[in-house]
């Protein structure tokens, strides 16, 4: 047995004995021992036997007497109520005796009466010759309560030590590289609060009403102006996942062919497969989807005739890669030639670390692109506001689907987002988020190079994520478990692919501080070495 654990058990044994003696002094009239006066304890009562302790670990303490099982220790609150009740009843009896007509002839209050008031009349005759004032009984009560409280506190502390000694220590908290969300310190909470106040002050009717499925009209117009399109091309939804779901439900039927990147967002894969789509995953390269491979799939030899191609062009989730301008133009040309839509899923577009930015595919060819984005990454995830931009007839059809689904999206959230955007707070928020993410991405890259040099990755130019590939044969599923034991979470590469990815993982750096990144990568490297 561990020496510290043995010592704690021994101390616990002594405290159990002290608690028993105190409680019996309070509740057992035969053990109150008043022959020498108030507060004079009865002879010691041996404590109950504690669990055996190996001789080598035993401290020099008197052995416990084997006098049977320990008396159960009642809850502290119950003990205090009980001991207080004993004294209160004695005081009430004394007061009644003094106040009554026969008070001169009434016998004095004795400790025996205290015991009798608790239901033990047998001990009352032992000390009837002694009289005690109510003040003495109160002092006795206070001493008992104080002693019991002190002993109970020490007892609880020992139990805590015992539980910690018996359980192996683990990291105090999990460092999560799993969730793609900003940490609270980079969310403009004050700006959102102010926007909410303005929303209810400037447009209480529009903010609190049902509205229509197209979304909050003023936000819809702001988005249209931001993208340089007519409002009829915009539909505001409850987050971009809702926008994706509406688009897939309207366009994709069972057996339809859909192009995706490999790897791609796991929820997109799930949604398409649930609809029975035939998903073709095209390898993702550091500058975006392999357009040459896609062109081969679309050729007569490849025989693929897709309804749409789902593309995350900027700081792709999960890889963090960005589609080059050249590939954007080639992809749009293929869409025009083969008659499919490009679904430009672009929630991270504003989170570029540098100044240069690529044009959206929507701006290059609005007739062959449906564009989706979200305020979850630039305002806050809890706001749940996203949107679609596309051809007017497509948006009108999806608006009918939205009406039948929920009548209207969340007008309160959309009104707040409008005020946040119209006031210019969105730009300040983006700058804050970008600066924090740039620092965290650089910290993550540096920590990986130092702690896990076997890892291969492309340092992202924006966004939330980094894709990490470990040497062939690495079992990332086993690494996942080993990392969890050390308090680190990530997402396995296999979650983002139809097949493969066993030696890859996604690390999200958006929700962790630079200090947490350093600690988390150290733990991850330790887990990798343990495999």
Protein backbone atom coordinates (compact mmCIF):
# COMPACT_ATOMS: atom_id res chain seq x y z
CA UNK A 1 0.00 0.00 0.00
CA UNK A 2 1.20 3.54 -0.78
CA UNK A 3 2.69 5.20 2.33
CA UNK A 4 0.62 8.36 1.89
CA UNK A 5 -2.57 6.35 1.52
CA UNK A 6 -1.77 4.33 4.64
CA UNK A 7 -1.14 7.50 6.64
CA UNK A 8 -4.46 8.96 5.48
CA UNK A 9 -6.30 5.80 6.50
CA UNK A 10 -4.71 5.94 9.93
CA UNK A 11 -5.70 9.60 10.41
CA UNK A 12 -9.18 8.79 9.21
CA UNK A 13 -9.44 6.01 11.79
CA UNK A 14 -8.60 8.45 14.59
CA UNK A 15 -11.08 11.05 13.34
CA UNK A 16 -13.84 8.44 13.15
CA UNK A 17 -13.21 7.69 16.81
CA UNK A 18 -13.31 11.37 17.74
CA UNK A 19 -16.53 11.86 15.85
CA UNK A 20 -18.13 8.85 17.53
CA UNK A 21 -17.19 10.11 20.99
CA UNK A 22 -18.54 13.57 20.27
CA UNK A 23 -21.78 12.28 18.78
CA UNK A 24 -22.36 9.88 21.66
CA UNK A 25 -21.77 12.72 24.11
CA UNK A 26 -24.52 14.61 22.31
CA UNK A 27 -27.04 11.81 21.75
CA UNK A 28 -26.31 9.11 24.36
CA UNK A 29 -27.29 10.09 27.95
CA UNK A 30 -25.27 7.25 29.41
CA UNK A 31 -22.11 8.68 27.80
CA UNK A 32 -22.62 12.34 28.76
CA UNK A 33 -20.69 11.90 32.06
CA UNK A 34 -21.97 14.87 34.07
CA UNK A 35 -20.69 13.69 37.44
CA UNK A 36 -17.91 16.26 37.36
CA UNK A 37 -20.02 19.06 35.82
CA UNK A 38 -21.01 20.42 32.45
CA UNK A 39 -18.62 19.70 29.61
CA UNK A 40 -16.64 17.03 31.42
CA UNK A 41 -16.53 14.13 28.96
CA UNK A 42 -17.27 10.52 29.66
CA UNK A 43 -14.42 8.02 29.61
CA UNK A 44 -13.04 7.50 26.10
CA UNK A 45 -14.98 5.20 23.84
CA UNK A 46 -12.72 3.17 21.57
CA UNK A 47 -13.14 3.87 17.85
CA UNK A 48 -14.41 1.35 15.38
CA UNK A 49 -11.95 -0.81 13.53
CA UNK A 50 -10.50 0.72 10.37
CA UNK A 51 -9.36 -1.17 7.28
CA UNK A 52 -6.17 -3.13 7.95
CA UNK A 53 -2.91 -1.33 7.18
CA UNK A 54 0.27 -3.22 6.32
CA UNK A 55 2.77 -3.10 9.21
CA UNK A 56 5.43 -1.44 7.07
CA UNK A 57 3.16 1.48 6.33
CA UNK A 58 1.49 1.88 9.74
CA UNK A 59 2.25 5.06 11.68
CA UNK A 60 2.78 4.78 15.43
CA UNK A 61 -0.83 5.11 16.62
CA UNK A 62 -2.78 3.10 19.18
CA UNK A 63 -4.50 0.13 17.56
CA UNK A 64 -8.25 0.21 17.23
CA UNK A 65 -10.25 -1.94 19.62
CA UNK A 66 -12.33 -4.55 17.83
CA UNK A 67 -15.62 -3.54 19.45
CA UNK A 68 -17.89 -4.14 16.49
CA UNK A 69 -18.98 -2.19 13.49
CA UNK A 70 -18.74 1.58 13.47
CA UNK A 71 -21.81 3.61 14.24
CA UNK A 72 -23.07 5.26 11.03
CA UNK A 73 -22.22 8.96 11.00
CA UNK A 74 -25.35 11.05 10.36
CA UNK A 75 -25.18 14.07 8.05
CA UNK A 76 -23.74 17.20 9.66
CA UNK A 77 -26.94 19.20 9.26
CA UNK A 78 -28.94 16.46 11.00
CA UNK A 79 -26.40 16.25 13.85
CA UNK A 80 -26.55 20.01 14.42
CA UNK A 81 -30.35 20.02 14.46
CA UNK A 82 -30.39 17.07 16.86
CA UNK A 83 -27.85 18.43 19.35
CA UNK A 84 -29.52 21.86 19.26
CA UNK A 85 -32.91 20.26 19.92
CA UNK A 86 -31.64 18.47 23.04
CA UNK A 87 -30.49 21.72 24.65
CA UNK A 88 -33.50 23.75 23.44
CA UNK A 89 -35.91 21.32 25.05
CA UNK A 90 -34.02 21.54 28.34
CA UNK A 91 -34.10 25.34 28.21
CA UNK A 92 -37.80 25.36 27.42
CA UNK A 93 -38.48 23.04 30.37
CA UNK A 94 -36.44 25.26 32.68
CA UNK A 95 -38.23 28.38 31.47
CA UNK A 96 -41.62 26.75 31.90
CA UNK A 97 -40.76 25.62 35.41
CA UNK A 98 -39.64 29.13 36.40
CA UNK A 99 -42.71 30.77 34.87
CA UNK A 100 -45.28 28.34 36.27
CA UNK A 101 -47.17 28.77 39.59
CA UNK A 102 -45.27 25.94 41.17
CA UNK A 103 -41.82 27.21 40.14
CA UNK A 104 -40.52 27.62 43.74
CA UNK A 105 -41.18 23.96 44.34
CA UNK A 106 -39.95 22.86 40.94
CA UNK A 107 -36.81 20.80 40.97
CA UNK A 108 -33.71 22.42 39.48
CA UNK A 109 -32.73 21.77 35.88
CA UNK A 110 -30.21 18.97 35.78
CA UNK A 111 -28.19 17.22 33.12
CA UNK A 112 -30.47 14.31 33.78
CA UNK A 113 -33.31 16.47 32.53
CA UNK A 114 -31.31 17.21 29.39
CA UNK A 115 -31.08 13.49 28.82
CA UNK A 116 -34.71 13.02 29.74
CA UNK A 117 -35.74 15.64 27.20
CA UNK A 118 -34.11 13.45 24.58
CA UNK A 119 -36.19 10.50 25.65
CA UNK A 120 -33.81 8.82 28.18
CA UNK A 121 -35.27 9.18 31.64
CA UNK A 122 -33.08 6.46 33.12
CA UNK A 123 -30.11 8.78 33.63
CA UNK A 124 -32.03 11.67 35.24
CA UNK A 125 -31.75 10.41 38.84
CA UNK A 126 -27.94 10.34 38.71
CA UNK A 127 -27.39 14.11 38.93
CA UNK A 128 -30.62 15.58 40.37
CA UNK A 129 -28.64 17.33 43.09
CA UNK A 130 -26.88 19.60 40.62
CA UNK A 131 -28.46 22.75 39.19
CA UNK A 132 -27.35 24.52 36.03
CA UNK A 133 -28.37 27.93 34.74
CA UNK A 134 -29.63 28.29 31.15
CA UNK A 135 -26.47 30.24 30.29
CA UNK A 136 -24.36 27.20 31.18
CA UNK A 137 -26.48 24.96 28.97
CA UNK A 138 -26.10 27.42 26.09
CA UNK A 139 -22.34 27.44 26.50
CA UNK A 140 -22.38 23.66 26.54
CA UNK A 141 -24.48 23.59 23.39
CA UNK A 142 -22.12 26.00 21.60
CA UNK A 143 -19.10 23.91 22.55
CA UNK A 144 -20.70 20.72 21.28
CA UNK A 145 -21.77 22.31 18.02
CA UNK A 146 -18.33 23.86 17.45
CA UNK A 147 -16.51 20.61 18.21
CA UNK A 148 -18.76 18.55 15.96
CA UNK A 149 -18.39 21.06 13.12
CA UNK A 150 -14.60 21.08 13.39
CA UNK A 151 -14.35 17.32 13.48
CA UNK A 152 -16.76 16.94 10.57
CA UNK A 153 -14.70 19.36 8.47
CA UNK A 154 -11.51 17.40 9.20
CA UNK A 155 -13.31 14.14 8.48
CA UNK A 156 -14.54 15.40 5.09
CA UNK A 157 -11.07 16.65 4.21
CA UNK A 158 -9.59 13.24 4.98
CA UNK A 159 -12.19 11.52 2.84
CA UNK A 160 -11.26 13.86 0.00
CA UNK A 161 -7.58 13.01 0.40
CA UNK A 162 -8.45 9.34 0.45
CA UNK A 163 -10.43 9.54 -2.79
CA UNK A 164 -7.68 11.46 -4.59
CA UNK A 165 -5.05 8.97 -3.36
CA UNK A 166 -7.09 6.03 -4.66
CA UNK A 167 -7.66 7.44 -8.18
CA UNK A 168 -4.79 7.95 -10.65
CA UNK A 169 -4.28 11.58 -11.54
CA UNK A 170 -5.33 12.84 -14.99
CA UNK A 171 -4.96 16.15 -16.82
CA UNK A 172 -7.10 18.77 -15.14
CA UNK A 173 -8.94 19.74 -18.34
CA UNK A 174 -9.21 18.70 -21.96
CA UNK A 175 -7.57 20.86 -24.59
CA UNK A 176 -9.85 20.53 -27.58
CA UNK A 177 -8.60 20.87 -31.14
CA UNK A 178 -11.89 19.29 -32.25
CA UNK A 179 -14.47 22.08 -32.46
CA UNK A 180 -14.38 24.75 -35.15
CA UNK A 181 -15.60 27.69 -33.10
CA UNK A 182 -14.01 30.91 -31.84
CA UNK A 183 -13.08 31.16 -28.17
CA UNK A 184 -15.09 33.61 -26.09
CA UNK A 185 -12.20 36.04 -25.74
CA UNK A 186 -12.41 36.92 -29.45
CA UNK A 187 -16.20 37.29 -29.60
CA UNK A 188 -17.42 40.92 -29.53
CA UNK A 189 -19.94 40.41 -26.73
CA UNK A 190 -20.35 44.13 -26.04
CA UNK A 191 -20.89 44.88 -29.71
CA UNK A 192 -23.56 42.18 -29.90
CA UNK A 193 -25.27 43.52 -26.80
CA UNK A 194 -25.38 47.00 -28.29
CA UNK A 195 -26.66 45.63 -31.60
CA UNK A 196 -29.44 43.79 -29.75
CA UNK A 197 -30.52 47.00 -28.02
CA UNK A 198 -30.60 48.87 -31.34
CA UNK A 199 -32.56 46.03 -32.99
CA UNK A 200 -35.38 46.25 -30.46
CA UNK A 201 -35.32 50.05 -30.43
CA UNK A 202 -35.16 50.69 -34.18
CA UNK A 203 -37.48 47.94 -35.44
CA UNK A 204 -39.40 46.23 -32.63
CA UNK A 205 -42.17 45.05 -34.95
CA UNK A 206 -39.86 43.49 -37.53
CA UNK A 207 -37.57 42.02 -34.91
CA UNK A 208 -40.32 40.24 -32.97
CA UNK A 209 -42.63 39.21 -35.84
CA UNK A 210 -42.73 35.95 -37.78
CA UNK A 211 -41.51 37.54 -40.99
CA UNK A 212 -41.23 35.43 -44.15
CA UNK A 213 -38.94 32.64 -45.26
CA UNK A 214 -36.64 35.00 -47.19
CA UNK A 215 -35.33 36.32 -43.86
CA UNK A 216 -35.09 39.71 -42.18
CA UNK A 217 -35.50 42.17 -45.09
CA UNK A 218 -32.88 44.71 -43.98
CA UNK A 219 -30.24 42.00 -43.49
CA UNK A 220 -31.18 40.46 -46.84
CA UNK A 221 -30.57 43.82 -48.53
CA UNK A 222 -27.24 44.28 -46.71
CA UNK A 223 -26.03 40.85 -47.89
CA UNK A 224 -27.16 41.58 -51.46
CA UNK A 225 -25.25 44.86 -51.47
CA UNK A 226 -22.18 43.16 -49.96
CA UNK A 227 -22.11 40.66 -52.85
CA UNK A 228 -23.21 43.10 -55.54
CA UNK A 229 -26.43 41.23 -56.42
CA UNK A 230 -30.16 41.89 -56.29
CA UNK A 231 -32.02 41.03 -53.04
CA UNK A 232 -34.09 38.49 -55.02
CA UNK A 233 -30.94 36.35 -55.21
CA UNK A 234 -30.57 36.12 -51.40
CA UNK A 235 -32.21 33.85 -48.84
CA UNK A 236 -31.29 34.25 -45.14
CA UNK A 237 -31.41 31.06 -43.08
CA UNK A 238 -30.81 29.61 -39.62
CA UNK A 239 -27.09 29.03 -40.14
CA UNK A 240 -25.31 27.85 -43.28
CA UNK A 241 -26.07 24.20 -42.50
CA UNK A 242 -29.76 25.04 -42.97
CA UNK A 243 -28.88 26.68 -46.28
CA UNK A 244 -26.98 23.54 -47.34
CA UNK A 245 -29.88 21.32 -46.34
CA UNK A 246 -32.40 23.36 -48.33
CA UNK A 247 -30.18 23.35 -51.41
CA UNK A 248 -29.55 19.59 -51.25
CA UNK A 249 -33.21 18.84 -50.65
CA UNK A 250 -34.22 20.91 -53.66
CA UNK A 251 -31.53 19.73 -56.09
CA UNK A 252 -30.33 16.25 -55.11
CA UNK A 253 -32.35 13.11 -55.66
CA UNK A 254 -31.44 9.54 -54.89
CA UNK A 255 -28.90 8.35 -57.47
CA UNK A 256 -27.81 11.87 -58.48
CA UNK A 257 -24.07 12.32 -58.82
CA UNK A 258 -22.31 14.95 -56.70
CA UNK A 259 -18.66 16.01 -56.68
CA UNK A 260 -16.97 16.70 -53.35
CA UNK A 261 -13.41 17.36 -52.26
CA UNK A 262 -11.35 14.69 -50.55
CA UNK A 263 -11.32 15.33 -47.61
CA UNK A 264 -14.42 17.45 -47.07
CA UNK A 265 -16.74 18.58 -44.31
CA UNK A 266 -18.17 15.52 -42.58
CA UNK A 267 -21.73 16.93 -42.28
CA UNK A 268 -21.83 17.49 -46.05
CA UNK A 269 -20.92 13.85 -46.65
CA UNK A 270 -23.57 12.73 -44.18
CA UNK A 271 -26.30 14.90 -45.71
CA UNK A 272 -25.56 13.81 -49.28
CA UNK A 273 -25.36 10.13 -48.43
CA UNK A 274 -28.64 10.28 -46.48
CA UNK A 275 -30.27 11.59 -49.66
CA UNK A 276 -28.91 8.66 -51.65
CA UNK A 277 -26.49 10.71 -53.74
CA UNK A 278 -23.64 9.00 -55.58
CA UNK A 279 -20.72 10.93 -54.15
CA UNK A 280 -17.47 11.23 -56.11
CA UNK A 281 -14.57 12.47 -53.96
CA UNK A 282 -11.82 14.27 -55.89
CA UNK A 283 -8.41 14.65 -54.26
CA UNK A 284 -7.72 17.97 -52.60
CA UNK A 285 -4.34 19.61 -53.23
CA UNK A 286 -2.75 22.53 -51.37
CA UNK A 287 -4.11 24.89 -54.06
CA UNK A 288 -7.56 23.31 -54.11
CA UNK A 289 -9.42 20.47 -55.79
CA UNK A 290 -7.50 18.49 -58.43
CA UNK A 291 -9.18 19.96 -61.52
CA UNK A 292 -7.34 17.60 -63.84
CA UNK A 293 -8.75 14.59 -61.99
CA UNK A 294 -12.23 16.17 -62.08
CA UNK A 295 -11.93 16.73 -65.83
CA UNK A 296 -11.10 13.05 -66.29
CA UNK A 297 -14.21 12.08 -64.30
CA UNK A 298 -16.35 14.32 -66.51
CA UNK A 299 -14.91 12.93 -69.75
CA UNK A 300 -16.76 10.24 -71.74
CA UNK A 301 -14.35 7.70 -70.29
CA UNK A 302 -15.13 8.82 -66.76
CA UNK A 303 -18.85 8.98 -67.43
CA UNK A 304 -19.78 11.14 -64.43
CA UNK A 305 -22.66 13.60 -64.92
CA UNK A 306 -22.94 15.58 -61.68
CA UNK A 307 -25.84 17.72 -60.52
CA UNK A 308 -23.49 19.92 -58.54
CA UNK A 309 -19.99 20.13 -57.15
CA UNK A 310 -19.57 21.08 -53.49
CA UNK A 311 -16.47 23.24 -53.03
CA UNK A 312 -15.11 25.00 -49.92
CA UNK A 313 -12.78 27.46 -51.66
CA UNK A 314 -11.21 29.40 -48.79
CA UNK A 315 -9.32 27.79 -45.89
CA UNK A 316 -11.14 24.55 -46.51
CA UNK A 317 -12.69 22.53 -43.71
CA UNK A 318 -10.95 20.25 -42.75
CA UNK A 319 -7.72 20.86 -44.69
CA UNK A 320 -7.27 24.62 -44.43
CA UNK A 321 -6.32 24.80 -48.15
CA UNK A 322 -7.40 27.59 -50.50
CA UNK A 323 -8.53 27.19 -54.12
CA UNK A 324 -6.31 29.17 -56.49
CA UNK A 325 -7.75 31.75 -58.86
CA UNK A 326 -6.67 29.67 -61.87
CA UNK A 327 -8.50 26.62 -60.56
CA UNK A 328 -11.59 28.68 -59.78
CA UNK A 329 -11.80 29.74 -63.42
CA UNK A 330 -11.20 26.22 -64.73
CA UNK A 331 -13.84 24.79 -62.40
CA UNK A 332 -16.41 27.34 -63.59
CA UNK A 333 -15.60 26.51 -67.21
CA UNK A 334 -16.20 22.80 -66.52
CA UNK A 335 -19.52 23.65 -64.82
CA UNK A 336 -20.65 25.63 -67.87
CA UNK A 337 -19.53 22.92 -70.30
CA UNK A 338 -21.09 20.00 -68.40
CA UNK A 339 -24.19 21.68 -67.03
CA UNK A 340 -23.72 21.39 -63.28
CA UNK A 341 -23.87 23.97 -60.49
CA UNK A 342 -20.91 24.86 -58.33
CA UNK A 343 -21.95 25.06 -54.70
CA UNK A 344 -19.48 27.57 -53.25
CA UNK A 345 -19.59 26.92 -49.50
CA UNK A 346 -17.63 29.88 -48.10
CA UNK A 347 -18.02 30.54 -44.34
CA UNK A 348 -14.31 31.37 -43.79
CA UNK A 349 -13.82 33.87 -46.62
CA UNK A 350 -13.34 36.89 -44.35
CA UNK A 351 -10.74 35.20 -42.14
CA UNK A 352 -7.70 35.65 -44.37
CA UNK A 353 -4.50 36.45 -42.47
CA UNK A 354 -2.95 38.44 -45.30
CA UNK A 355 -4.30 41.28 -47.40
CA UNK A 356 -4.68 39.59 -50.81
CA UNK A 357 -7.95 37.78 -51.48
CA UNK A 358 -9.23 35.73 -54.38
CA UNK A 359 -12.51 36.65 -56.09
CA UNK A 360 -15.50 34.51 -55.23
CA UNK A 361 -16.71 32.15 -57.94
CA UNK A 362 -20.11 33.80 -57.48
CA UNK A 363 -18.62 37.10 -58.68
CA UNK A 364 -16.96 35.36 -61.66
CA UNK A 365 -20.01 33.43 -62.90
CA UNK A 366 -23.24 34.05 -60.94
CA UNK A 367 -25.39 31.88 -63.24
CA UNK A 368 -23.51 28.66 -62.49
CA UNK A 369 -22.84 29.24 -58.77
CA UNK A 370 -24.89 28.94 -55.62
CA UNK A 371 -23.04 30.65 -52.80
CA UNK A 372 -23.43 29.99 -49.05
CA UNK A 373 -21.86 31.69 -46.08
CA UNK A 374 -22.41 32.24 -42.38
CA UNK A 375 -22.00 34.78 -39.59
CA UNK A 376 -21.09 32.01 -37.16
CA UNK A 377 -17.36 32.42 -37.82
CA UNK A 378 -17.22 36.23 -37.88
CA UNK A 379 -19.89 37.22 -35.31
CA UNK A 380 -20.46 34.19 -33.07
CA UNK A 381 -21.66 30.58 -33.49
CA UNK A 382 -24.70 31.03 -31.25
CA UNK A 383 -26.25 33.66 -33.51
CA UNK A 384 -27.13 30.91 -36.07
CA UNK A 385 -27.49 33.10 -39.15
CA UNK A 386 -26.39 31.98 -42.63
CA UNK A 387 -27.51 32.64 -46.18
CA UNK A 388 -27.69 31.48 -49.79
CA UNK A 389 -27.05 33.57 -52.92
CA UNK A 390 -28.05 32.16 -56.31
CA UNK A 391 -30.18 32.49 -59.42
CA UNK A 392 -33.56 34.13 -58.59
CA UNK A 393 -35.67 31.15 -59.70
CA UNK A 394 -33.62 28.77 -57.55
CA UNK A 395 -33.85 31.07 -54.51
CA UNK A 396 -37.63 31.44 -55.00
CA UNK A 397 -38.06 27.66 -55.09
CA UNK A 398 -35.98 27.19 -51.92
CA UNK A 399 -37.95 30.00 -50.23
CA UNK A 400 -41.13 27.94 -50.73
CA UNK A 401 -39.38 24.93 -49.20
CA UNK A 402 -38.31 27.11 -46.26
CA UNK A 403 -41.87 28.38 -45.77
CA UNK A 404 -43.15 24.83 -45.52
CA UNK A 405 -40.34 23.96 -43.10
CA UNK A 406 -40.46 26.77 -40.53
CA UNK A 407 -42.58 29.68 -41.90
CA UNK A 408 -39.71 32.06 -41.20
CA UNK A 409 -36.21 31.87 -39.76
CA UNK A 410 -35.12 33.58 -36.53
CA UNK A 411 -36.01 37.27 -36.96
CA UNK A 412 -34.46 38.30 -33.62
CA UNK A 413 -31.04 36.88 -34.49
CA UNK A 414 -31.14 38.27 -38.02
CA UNK A 415 -32.16 41.72 -36.82
CA UNK A 416 -29.25 41.75 -34.36
CA UNK A 417 -26.82 40.65 -37.09
CA UNK A 418 -28.09 43.42 -39.34
CA UNK A 419 -27.45 46.06 -36.68
CA UNK A 420 -24.03 44.54 -35.99
CA UNK A 421 -23.12 44.69 -39.69
CA UNK A 422 -24.67 48.06 -40.50
CA UNK A 423 -22.87 49.75 -37.59
CA UNK A 424 -19.45 48.60 -38.80
CA UNK A 425 -18.95 46.33 -35.78
CA UNK A 426 -18.58 43.36 -38.15
CA UNK A 427 -15.33 44.80 -39.54
CA UNK A 428 -13.87 45.34 -36.08
CA UNK A 429 -14.91 41.82 -35.09
CA UNK A 430 -13.27 40.33 -38.18
CA UNK A 431 -10.01 42.13 -37.44
CA UNK A 432 -9.98 40.82 -33.88
CA UNK A 433 -10.70 37.26 -34.98
CA UNK A 434 -8.16 37.37 -37.82
CA UNK A 435 -5.36 38.62 -35.59
CA UNK A 436 -6.01 35.97 -32.95
CA UNK A 437 -6.30 33.14 -35.49
CA UNK A 438 -3.10 34.16 -37.29
CA UNK A 439 -1.17 34.00 -34.03
CA UNK A 440 -2.70 30.65 -33.10
CA UNK A 441 -2.03 29.11 -36.50
CA UNK A 442 1.61 30.16 -36.33
CA UNK A 443 1.90 28.80 -32.78
CA UNK A 444 0.38 25.49 -33.84
CA UNK A 445 2.73 25.15 -36.80
CA UNK A 446 5.76 25.95 -34.66
CA UNK A 447 4.73 23.53 -31.91
CA UNK A 448 4.20 20.71 -34.42
CA UNK A 449 7.58 21.28 -36.04
CA UNK A 450 9.26 21.18 -32.65
CA UNK A 451 7.29 18.46 -30.82
CA UNK A 452 6.10 16.24 -33.66
CA UNK A 453 8.52 16.57 -36.59
CA UNK A 454 7.01 13.47 -38.23
CA UNK A 455 3.84 15.48 -38.95
CA UNK A 456 3.26 16.86 -42.44
CA UNK A 457 1.00 19.89 -42.95
CA UNK A 458 0.49 23.07 -44.95
CA UNK A 459 0.40 26.16 -42.75
CA UNK A 460 -2.98 27.80 -43.46
CA UNK A 461 -3.38 31.35 -44.76
CA UNK A 462 -6.63 31.85 -42.86
CA UNK A 463 -9.59 30.10 -41.30
CA UNK A 464 -9.83 27.67 -38.40
CA UNK A 465 -8.19 24.39 -39.37
CA UNK A 466 -4.99 22.53 -40.11
CA UNK A 467 -4.79 19.10 -41.75
CA UNK A 468 -2.03 16.92 -40.34
CA UNK A 469 -0.71 13.73 -41.96
CA UNK A 470 1.41 11.30 -39.95
CA UNK A 471 3.72 8.61 -41.38
CA UNK A 472 2.02 5.76 -43.29
CA UNK A 473 0.88 3.04 -40.97
CA UNK A 474 0.10 5.39 -38.09
CA UNK A 475 -3.14 4.34 -36.42
CA UNK A 476 -4.87 7.65 -35.74
CA UNK A 477 -7.79 5.82 -34.10
CA UNK A 478 -5.33 4.53 -31.48
CA UNK A 479 -3.77 7.99 -31.27
CA UNK A 480 -7.22 9.44 -30.65
CA UNK A 481 -7.64 7.24 -27.57
CA UNK A 482 -4.10 7.83 -26.32
CA UNK A 483 -4.54 11.59 -26.70
CA UNK A 484 -7.88 11.52 -24.89
CA UNK A 485 -6.19 9.81 -21.93
CA UNK A 486 -3.81 12.78 -21.81
CA UNK A 487 -6.54 15.40 -22.11
CA UNK A 488 -6.36 16.26 -25.82
CA UNK A 489 -9.17 16.04 -28.39
CA UNK A 490 -9.07 16.21 -32.20
CA UNK A 491 -11.05 14.84 -35.14
CA UNK A 492 -9.84 11.76 -37.01
CA UNK A 493 -9.16 12.08 -40.71
CA UNK A 494 -11.45 9.16 -41.50
CA UNK A 495 -14.44 11.29 -40.46
CA UNK A 496 -13.91 13.51 -43.52
CA UNK A 497 -13.52 10.80 -46.16
CA UNK A 498 -15.55 8.05 -47.72
CA UNK A 499 -12.45 5.88 -47.40
CA UNK A 500 -8.86 6.39 -46.27
CA UNK A 501 -7.50 8.99 -43.89
CA UNK A 502 -6.36 6.48 -41.26
CA UNK A 503 -3.09 8.36 -40.69
CA UNK A 504 -4.53 11.90 -40.78
CA UNK A 505 -6.26 14.24 -38.36
CA UNK A 506 -7.78 17.71 -38.25
CA UNK A 507 -6.64 20.25 -35.66
CA UNK A 508 -8.84 23.29 -35.04
CA UNK A 509 -6.91 26.18 -33.50
CA UNK A 510 -9.80 28.66 -33.30
CA UNK A 511 -11.02 27.83 -29.81
CA UNK A 512 -7.69 27.47 -27.97
CA UNK A 513 -5.18 30.01 -26.75
CA UNK A 514 -1.52 29.95 -27.79
CA UNK A 515 -0.58 28.58 -24.37
CA UNK A 516 -3.14 25.77 -24.70
CA UNK A 517 -1.82 24.99 -28.16
CA UNK A 518 1.73 24.55 -26.84
CA UNK A 519 0.53 22.29 -24.02
CA UNK A 520 -1.86 20.37 -26.24
CA UNK A 521 0.71 19.63 -28.95
CA UNK A 522 3.11 18.43 -26.25
CA UNK A 523 0.48 16.00 -24.99
CA UNK A 524 -0.32 14.92 -28.55
CA UNK A 525 3.36 14.18 -29.23
CA UNK A 526 3.55 12.19 -26.00
CA UNK A 527 0.50 10.18 -27.10
CA UNK A 528 2.09 9.55 -30.51
CA UNK A 529 5.30 8.27 -28.90
CA UNK A 530 3.24 5.88 -26.76
CA UNK A 531 1.82 4.00 -29.76
